[in-house]
N, C-alpha and C. Protein backbone atom coordinates (compact mmCIF):
# COMPACT_ATOMS: atom_id res chain seq x y z
N UNK A 1 0.85 -1.17 0.00
CA UNK A 1 0.00 0.00 0.00
C UNK A 1 0.90 1.24 0.00
N UNK A 2 0.63 2.20 -0.87
CA UNK A 2 1.47 3.41 -0.88
C UNK A 2 1.25 4.25 0.39
N UNK A 3 2.30 4.91 0.79
CA UNK A 3 2.23 5.75 1.99
C UNK A 3 1.40 7.00 1.72
N UNK A 4 0.72 7.50 2.76
CA UNK A 4 0.01 8.77 2.66
C UNK A 4 0.99 9.93 2.66
N UNK A 5 2.12 9.74 3.33
CA UNK A 5 3.17 10.76 3.38
C UNK A 5 4.51 10.06 3.58
N UNK A 6 5.54 10.64 2.98
CA UNK A 6 6.89 10.13 3.13
C UNK A 6 7.81 11.29 3.48
N UNK A 7 8.57 11.14 4.54
CA UNK A 7 9.55 12.16 4.93
C UNK A 7 10.94 11.59 4.73
N UNK A 8 11.82 12.41 4.16
CA UNK A 8 13.19 12.00 3.91
C UNK A 8 14.12 13.08 4.44
N UNK A 9 15.14 12.65 5.17
CA UNK A 9 16.12 13.59 5.70
C UNK A 9 17.50 13.02 5.45
N UNK A 10 18.37 13.89 5.00
CA UNK A 10 19.77 13.50 4.79
C UNK A 10 20.61 14.08 5.91
N UNK A 11 21.68 14.74 5.55
CA UNK A 11 22.58 15.30 6.54
C UNK A 11 22.47 16.83 6.58
N UNK A 12 21.36 17.38 6.17
CA UNK A 12 21.18 18.83 6.04
C UNK A 12 20.86 19.57 7.33
N UNK A 13 20.97 18.95 8.46
CA UNK A 13 20.76 19.59 9.78
C UNK A 13 19.50 20.42 9.85
N UNK A 14 18.42 20.15 9.95
CA UNK A 14 17.61 18.97 9.95
C UNK A 14 16.48 19.15 8.96
N UNK A 15 16.80 19.76 7.86
CA UNK A 15 15.81 20.01 6.81
C UNK A 15 15.37 18.67 6.21
N UNK A 16 14.06 18.51 6.09
CA UNK A 16 13.54 17.28 5.52
C UNK A 16 12.50 17.58 4.46
N UNK A 17 12.35 16.64 3.56
CA UNK A 17 11.35 16.75 2.49
C UNK A 17 10.20 15.83 2.83
N UNK A 18 8.99 16.33 2.66
CA UNK A 18 7.78 15.55 2.92
C UNK A 18 7.01 15.49 1.61
N UNK A 19 6.70 14.29 1.18
CA UNK A 19 5.89 14.12 -0.03
C UNK A 19 4.56 13.49 0.35
N UNK A 20 3.50 14.07 -0.17
CA UNK A 20 2.17 13.54 0.03
C UNK A 20 1.37 13.79 -1.26
N UNK A 21 0.77 12.77 -1.77
CA UNK A 21 0.13 12.79 -3.09
C UNK A 21 1.13 13.39 -4.09
N UNK A 22 0.79 14.48 -4.76
CA UNK A 22 1.71 15.07 -5.73
C UNK A 22 2.36 16.34 -5.17
N UNK A 23 2.35 16.50 -3.85
CA UNK A 23 2.87 17.72 -3.23
C UNK A 23 4.17 17.45 -2.49
N UNK A 24 5.02 18.46 -2.48
CA UNK A 24 6.26 18.40 -1.71
C UNK A 24 6.26 19.55 -0.72
N UNK A 25 6.45 19.21 0.54
CA UNK A 25 6.53 20.19 1.62
C UNK A 25 7.90 20.01 2.28
N UNK A 26 8.26 20.97 3.09
CA UNK A 26 9.52 20.86 3.81
C UNK A 26 9.30 21.13 5.29
N UNK A 27 10.12 20.54 6.10
CA UNK A 27 10.14 20.81 7.53
C UNK A 27 11.60 20.95 7.93
N UNK A 28 11.82 21.61 9.05
CA UNK A 28 13.17 21.86 9.53
C UNK A 28 13.08 22.06 11.03
N UNK A 29 14.16 22.31 11.65
CA UNK A 29 14.21 22.65 13.07
C UNK A 29 14.81 24.03 13.20
N UNK A 30 14.50 24.74 14.27
CA UNK A 30 15.06 26.07 14.47
C UNK A 30 16.59 26.02 14.59
N UNK A 31 17.22 27.12 14.24
CA UNK A 31 18.68 27.21 14.28
C UNK A 31 19.23 27.00 15.69
N UNK A 32 18.49 27.42 16.71
CA UNK A 32 19.02 27.30 18.07
C UNK A 32 19.15 25.86 18.56
N UNK A 33 18.57 24.90 17.83
CA UNK A 33 18.78 23.49 18.19
C UNK A 33 19.49 22.74 17.06
N UNK A 34 20.14 23.48 16.16
CA UNK A 34 20.97 22.86 15.14
C UNK A 34 20.36 22.75 13.77
N UNK A 35 19.11 23.20 13.60
CA UNK A 35 18.49 23.16 12.28
C UNK A 35 18.93 24.33 11.43
N UNK A 36 18.42 24.38 10.21
CA UNK A 36 18.72 25.49 9.32
C UNK A 36 17.60 26.53 9.29
N UNK A 37 16.49 26.24 9.98
CA UNK A 37 15.35 27.16 10.10
C UNK A 37 14.84 27.66 8.75
N UNK A 38 14.75 26.74 7.78
CA UNK A 38 14.29 27.10 6.45
C UNK A 38 12.84 26.68 6.17
N UNK A 39 12.21 26.07 7.17
CA UNK A 39 10.84 25.60 7.01
C UNK A 39 10.25 25.42 8.41
N UNK A 40 8.95 25.26 8.52
CA UNK A 40 8.34 25.03 9.83
C UNK A 40 8.86 23.72 10.43
N UNK A 41 8.89 23.66 11.76
CA UNK A 41 9.23 22.38 12.38
C UNK A 41 7.96 21.52 12.43
N UNK A 42 8.10 20.22 12.64
CA UNK A 42 6.94 19.32 12.54
C UNK A 42 5.74 19.71 13.40
N UNK A 43 5.96 20.19 14.62
CA UNK A 43 4.82 20.58 15.46
C UNK A 43 4.11 21.80 14.88
N UNK A 44 4.86 22.70 14.26
CA UNK A 44 4.23 23.85 13.58
C UNK A 44 3.36 23.36 12.42
N UNK A 45 3.80 22.31 11.74
CA UNK A 45 2.97 21.76 10.66
C UNK A 45 1.67 21.17 11.21
N UNK A 46 1.74 20.49 12.34
CA UNK A 46 0.53 19.95 12.97
C UNK A 46 -0.38 21.09 13.41
N UNK A 47 0.20 22.13 14.00
CA UNK A 47 -0.59 23.28 14.44
C UNK A 47 -1.26 23.96 13.24
N UNK A 48 -0.52 24.10 12.15
CA UNK A 48 -1.09 24.66 10.92
C UNK A 48 -2.18 23.78 10.34
N UNK A 49 -1.98 22.46 10.42
CA UNK A 49 -3.01 21.54 9.93
C UNK A 49 -4.30 21.69 10.74
N UNK A 50 -4.17 21.88 12.05
CA UNK A 50 -5.34 22.09 12.89
C UNK A 50 -6.06 23.37 12.49
N UNK A 51 -5.32 24.45 12.32
CA UNK A 51 -5.93 25.73 11.92
C UNK A 51 -6.62 25.60 10.57
N UNK A 52 -5.96 24.97 9.62
CA UNK A 52 -6.53 24.80 8.29
C UNK A 52 -7.78 23.94 8.32
N UNK A 53 -7.76 22.89 9.13
CA UNK A 53 -8.90 21.99 9.22
C UNK A 53 -10.12 22.68 9.82
N UNK A 54 -9.90 23.48 10.86
CA UNK A 54 -11.00 24.24 11.46
C UNK A 54 -11.60 25.17 10.41
N UNK A 55 -10.74 25.86 9.67
CA UNK A 55 -11.22 26.81 8.66
C UNK A 55 -12.00 26.13 7.55
N UNK A 56 -11.45 25.06 7.01
CA UNK A 56 -12.12 24.42 5.87
C UNK A 56 -13.40 23.71 6.30
N UNK A 57 -13.44 23.19 7.51
CA UNK A 57 -14.66 22.55 8.00
C UNK A 57 -15.81 23.55 8.09
N UNK A 58 -15.53 24.72 8.66
CA UNK A 58 -16.56 25.77 8.74
C UNK A 58 -16.94 26.27 7.34
N UNK A 59 -15.94 26.44 6.48
CA UNK A 59 -16.19 26.93 5.11
C UNK A 59 -17.09 25.96 4.35
N UNK A 60 -16.79 24.67 4.43
CA UNK A 60 -17.58 23.67 3.70
C UNK A 60 -19.02 23.63 4.21
N UNK A 61 -19.19 23.73 5.52
CA UNK A 61 -20.53 23.69 6.09
C UNK A 61 -21.34 24.91 5.64
N UNK A 62 -20.72 26.09 5.73
CA UNK A 62 -21.41 27.31 5.31
C UNK A 62 -21.76 27.25 3.82
N UNK A 63 -20.87 26.71 3.02
CA UNK A 63 -21.15 26.59 1.58
C UNK A 63 -22.34 25.67 1.34
N UNK A 64 -22.37 24.52 2.03
CA UNK A 64 -23.48 23.58 1.86
C UNK A 64 -24.81 24.20 2.26
N UNK A 65 -24.78 25.04 3.30
CA UNK A 65 -26.01 25.68 3.77
C UNK A 65 -26.36 26.95 2.99
N UNK A 66 -25.43 27.43 2.18
CA UNK A 66 -25.67 28.67 1.43
C UNK A 66 -25.61 29.91 2.32
N UNK A 67 -24.86 29.83 3.42
CA UNK A 67 -24.77 30.95 4.35
C UNK A 67 -23.72 31.97 3.89
N UNK A 68 -23.92 33.24 4.20
CA UNK A 68 -23.04 34.31 3.71
C UNK A 68 -21.75 34.47 4.53
N UNK A 69 -21.00 33.39 4.65
CA UNK A 69 -19.71 33.45 5.34
C UNK A 69 -18.68 33.96 4.34
N UNK A 70 -18.15 35.13 4.61
CA UNK A 70 -17.21 35.77 3.68
C UNK A 70 -15.78 35.32 3.91
N UNK A 71 -15.40 35.18 5.16
CA UNK A 71 -14.00 34.89 5.48
C UNK A 71 -13.90 34.22 6.84
N UNK A 72 -12.93 33.32 6.96
CA UNK A 72 -12.62 32.67 8.22
C UNK A 72 -11.15 32.90 8.49
N UNK A 73 -10.83 33.32 9.68
CA UNK A 73 -9.44 33.49 10.09
C UNK A 73 -9.23 32.68 11.36
N UNK A 74 -8.23 31.81 11.35
CA UNK A 74 -7.98 30.92 12.48
C UNK A 74 -6.55 31.11 12.98
N UNK A 75 -6.41 31.36 14.27
CA UNK A 75 -5.10 31.42 14.92
C UNK A 75 -5.00 30.22 15.84
N UNK A 76 -3.95 29.43 15.67
CA UNK A 76 -3.74 28.26 16.52
C UNK A 76 -2.39 28.38 17.20
N UNK A 77 -2.35 27.98 18.45
CA UNK A 77 -1.12 28.03 19.25
C UNK A 77 -0.94 26.69 19.93
N UNK A 78 0.26 26.14 19.85
CA UNK A 78 0.61 24.92 20.56
C UNK A 78 1.47 25.30 21.76
N UNK A 79 1.21 24.67 22.87
CA UNK A 79 2.02 24.90 24.05
C UNK A 79 2.12 23.64 24.89
N UNK A 80 2.88 23.73 25.95
CA UNK A 80 3.02 22.61 26.90
C UNK A 80 2.96 23.19 28.29
N UNK A 81 2.29 22.47 29.19
CA UNK A 81 2.20 22.90 30.58
C UNK A 81 2.05 21.69 31.48
N UNK A 82 2.27 21.94 32.75
CA UNK A 82 2.08 20.91 33.76
C UNK A 82 0.76 21.19 34.48
N UNK A 83 -0.04 20.16 34.70
CA UNK A 83 -1.27 20.36 35.45
C UNK A 83 -0.98 20.50 36.93
N UNK A 84 0.07 19.82 37.40
CA UNK A 84 0.55 19.99 38.77
C UNK A 84 2.06 20.18 38.68
N UNK A 85 2.63 20.82 39.68
CA UNK A 85 4.05 21.20 39.63
C UNK A 85 4.99 20.05 39.29
N UNK A 86 4.71 18.87 39.76
CA UNK A 86 5.62 17.75 39.54
C UNK A 86 5.15 16.81 38.44
N UNK A 87 4.05 17.14 37.80
CA UNK A 87 3.50 16.26 36.78
C UNK A 87 4.22 16.37 35.46
N UNK A 88 3.85 15.51 34.52
CA UNK A 88 4.48 15.54 33.19
C UNK A 88 4.01 16.77 32.40
N UNK A 89 4.83 17.17 31.44
CA UNK A 89 4.41 18.23 30.53
C UNK A 89 3.31 17.68 29.61
N UNK A 90 2.24 18.43 29.47
CA UNK A 90 1.13 18.02 28.62
C UNK A 90 0.98 19.02 27.48
N UNK A 91 0.79 18.51 26.28
CA UNK A 91 0.58 19.37 25.12
C UNK A 91 -0.84 19.92 25.14
N UNK A 92 -1.00 21.12 24.59
CA UNK A 92 -2.33 21.70 24.41
C UNK A 92 -2.31 22.60 23.19
N UNK A 93 -3.48 22.85 22.66
CA UNK A 93 -3.67 23.79 21.56
C UNK A 93 -4.72 24.79 21.97
N UNK A 94 -4.46 26.06 21.71
CA UNK A 94 -5.46 27.10 21.84
C UNK A 94 -5.79 27.54 20.42
N UNK A 95 -7.06 27.55 20.08
CA UNK A 95 -7.50 27.92 18.74
C UNK A 95 -8.54 29.02 18.86
N UNK A 96 -8.28 30.12 18.20
CA UNK A 96 -9.24 31.23 18.13
C UNK A 96 -9.57 31.45 16.67
N UNK A 97 -10.85 31.70 16.39
CA UNK A 97 -11.21 31.95 15.00
C UNK A 97 -12.24 33.06 14.90
N UNK A 98 -12.23 33.68 13.75
CA UNK A 98 -13.15 34.77 13.46
C UNK A 98 -13.94 34.40 12.21
N UNK A 99 -15.25 34.59 12.29
CA UNK A 99 -16.14 34.33 11.17
C UNK A 99 -16.69 35.66 10.70
N UNK A 100 -16.37 36.06 9.48
CA UNK A 100 -16.85 37.33 8.94
C UNK A 100 -17.96 37.07 7.92
N UNK A 101 -19.00 37.84 8.02
CA UNK A 101 -20.12 37.73 7.09
C UNK A 101 -21.39 38.16 7.80
N UNK A 102 -22.45 38.31 7.04
CA UNK A 102 -23.73 38.73 7.59
C UNK A 102 -24.46 37.49 8.11
N UNK A 103 -23.96 36.98 9.25
CA UNK A 103 -24.47 35.73 9.81
C UNK A 103 -25.33 35.99 11.04
N UNK A 104 -26.35 35.17 11.23
CA UNK A 104 -27.19 35.29 12.41
C UNK A 104 -26.46 34.68 13.61
N UNK A 105 -26.96 34.97 14.80
CA UNK A 105 -26.38 34.35 16.00
C UNK A 105 -26.50 32.83 15.94
N UNK A 106 -27.60 32.34 15.41
CA UNK A 106 -27.79 30.90 15.29
C UNK A 106 -26.76 30.30 14.32
N UNK A 107 -26.52 30.96 13.20
CA UNK A 107 -25.52 30.48 12.23
C UNK A 107 -24.12 30.51 12.85
N UNK A 108 -23.80 31.58 13.56
CA UNK A 108 -22.49 31.67 14.21
C UNK A 108 -22.30 30.55 15.22
N UNK A 109 -23.34 30.27 15.99
CA UNK A 109 -23.27 29.19 16.97
C UNK A 109 -23.07 27.84 16.30
N UNK A 110 -23.80 27.60 15.24
CA UNK A 110 -23.70 26.31 14.54
C UNK A 110 -22.32 26.17 13.90
N UNK A 111 -21.81 27.23 13.29
CA UNK A 111 -20.48 27.17 12.68
C UNK A 111 -19.39 26.94 13.73
N UNK A 112 -19.57 27.51 14.91
CA UNK A 112 -18.62 27.29 16.00
C UNK A 112 -18.64 25.82 16.41
N UNK A 113 -19.82 25.26 16.52
CA UNK A 113 -19.96 23.84 16.87
C UNK A 113 -19.32 22.95 15.81
N UNK A 114 -19.60 23.24 14.55
CA UNK A 114 -19.09 22.43 13.45
C UNK A 114 -17.57 22.55 13.34
N UNK A 115 -17.03 23.75 13.55
CA UNK A 115 -15.57 23.95 13.46
C UNK A 115 -14.84 23.06 14.46
N UNK A 116 -15.45 22.82 15.61
CA UNK A 116 -14.84 21.97 16.63
C UNK A 116 -14.90 20.49 16.30
N UNK A 117 -15.50 20.15 15.19
CA UNK A 117 -15.62 18.75 14.79
C UNK A 117 -14.73 18.41 13.60
N UNK A 118 -13.75 19.26 13.33
CA UNK A 118 -12.89 18.99 12.17
C UNK A 118 -12.07 17.72 12.42
N UNK A 119 -11.65 17.08 11.35
CA UNK A 119 -10.96 15.79 11.43
C UNK A 119 -9.66 15.86 12.24
N UNK A 120 -8.88 16.92 12.08
CA UNK A 120 -7.62 17.02 12.82
C UNK A 120 -7.90 17.21 14.30
N UNK A 121 -8.89 18.00 14.63
CA UNK A 121 -9.26 18.20 16.04
C UNK A 121 -9.66 16.86 16.66
N UNK A 122 -10.49 16.10 15.97
CA UNK A 122 -10.90 14.79 16.47
C UNK A 122 -9.70 13.87 16.66
N UNK A 123 -8.78 13.89 15.71
CA UNK A 123 -7.61 13.03 15.78
C UNK A 123 -6.72 13.40 16.98
N UNK A 124 -6.54 14.69 17.20
CA UNK A 124 -5.69 15.13 18.30
C UNK A 124 -6.32 14.83 19.66
N UNK A 125 -7.62 14.82 19.75
CA UNK A 125 -8.30 14.56 21.02
C UNK A 125 -8.38 13.07 21.35
N UNK A 126 -8.28 12.25 20.34
CA UNK A 126 -8.39 10.81 20.54
C UNK A 126 -7.02 10.20 20.86
N UNK A 127 -7.05 9.03 21.41
CA UNK A 127 -5.82 8.27 21.57
C UNK A 127 -5.64 7.45 20.30
N UNK A 128 -4.91 8.02 19.36
CA UNK A 128 -4.73 7.40 18.05
C UNK A 128 -3.50 6.50 18.09
N UNK A 129 -3.67 5.21 17.80
CA UNK A 129 -2.50 4.33 17.79
C UNK A 129 -1.55 4.72 16.66
N UNK A 130 -0.28 4.71 16.95
CA UNK A 130 0.74 4.92 15.94
C UNK A 130 1.64 3.68 15.97
N UNK A 131 1.59 2.92 14.93
CA UNK A 131 2.40 1.69 14.84
C UNK A 131 3.68 2.01 14.10
N UNK A 132 4.78 1.98 14.78
CA UNK A 132 6.09 2.33 14.23
C UNK A 132 6.87 1.05 13.96
N UNK A 133 7.22 0.83 12.69
CA UNK A 133 7.92 -0.39 12.30
C UNK A 133 9.13 -0.04 11.45
N UNK A 134 10.29 -0.54 11.84
CA UNK A 134 11.49 -0.36 11.03
C UNK A 134 11.49 -1.42 9.94
N UNK A 135 11.75 -1.01 8.69
CA UNK A 135 11.85 -1.97 7.60
C UNK A 135 13.26 -1.92 7.03
N UNK A 136 13.72 -3.05 6.55
CA UNK A 136 15.07 -3.12 5.98
C UNK A 136 15.02 -3.21 4.47
């Protein structure tokens, strides 16, 4: 079965190429940890995917309903914190979005609800198994 995505890294400290379908993306690490800082780091790509998914989910729903949603702007932030002083660091995302258009309060509420059901959001909230296998 072909891979959904393939990442390849050589000795470029730590620039990598990601291929998915017919697209090529790049990821890197910041210079302060030895990267070349020429592309987003992998967590930034996940954060961007979350923002994009929230936006497109609301856009698609508004389009299906014929609602006058003119623009969606999504800001996503990834962070880590401890729930208790000695506990493990836990990842979190804060997502804020703006819906522009001549929308009713009911439409705004529904779009807010639907935006929270995007596929990336669901995936991040679930315990998704990741099976890691080395092949020779």
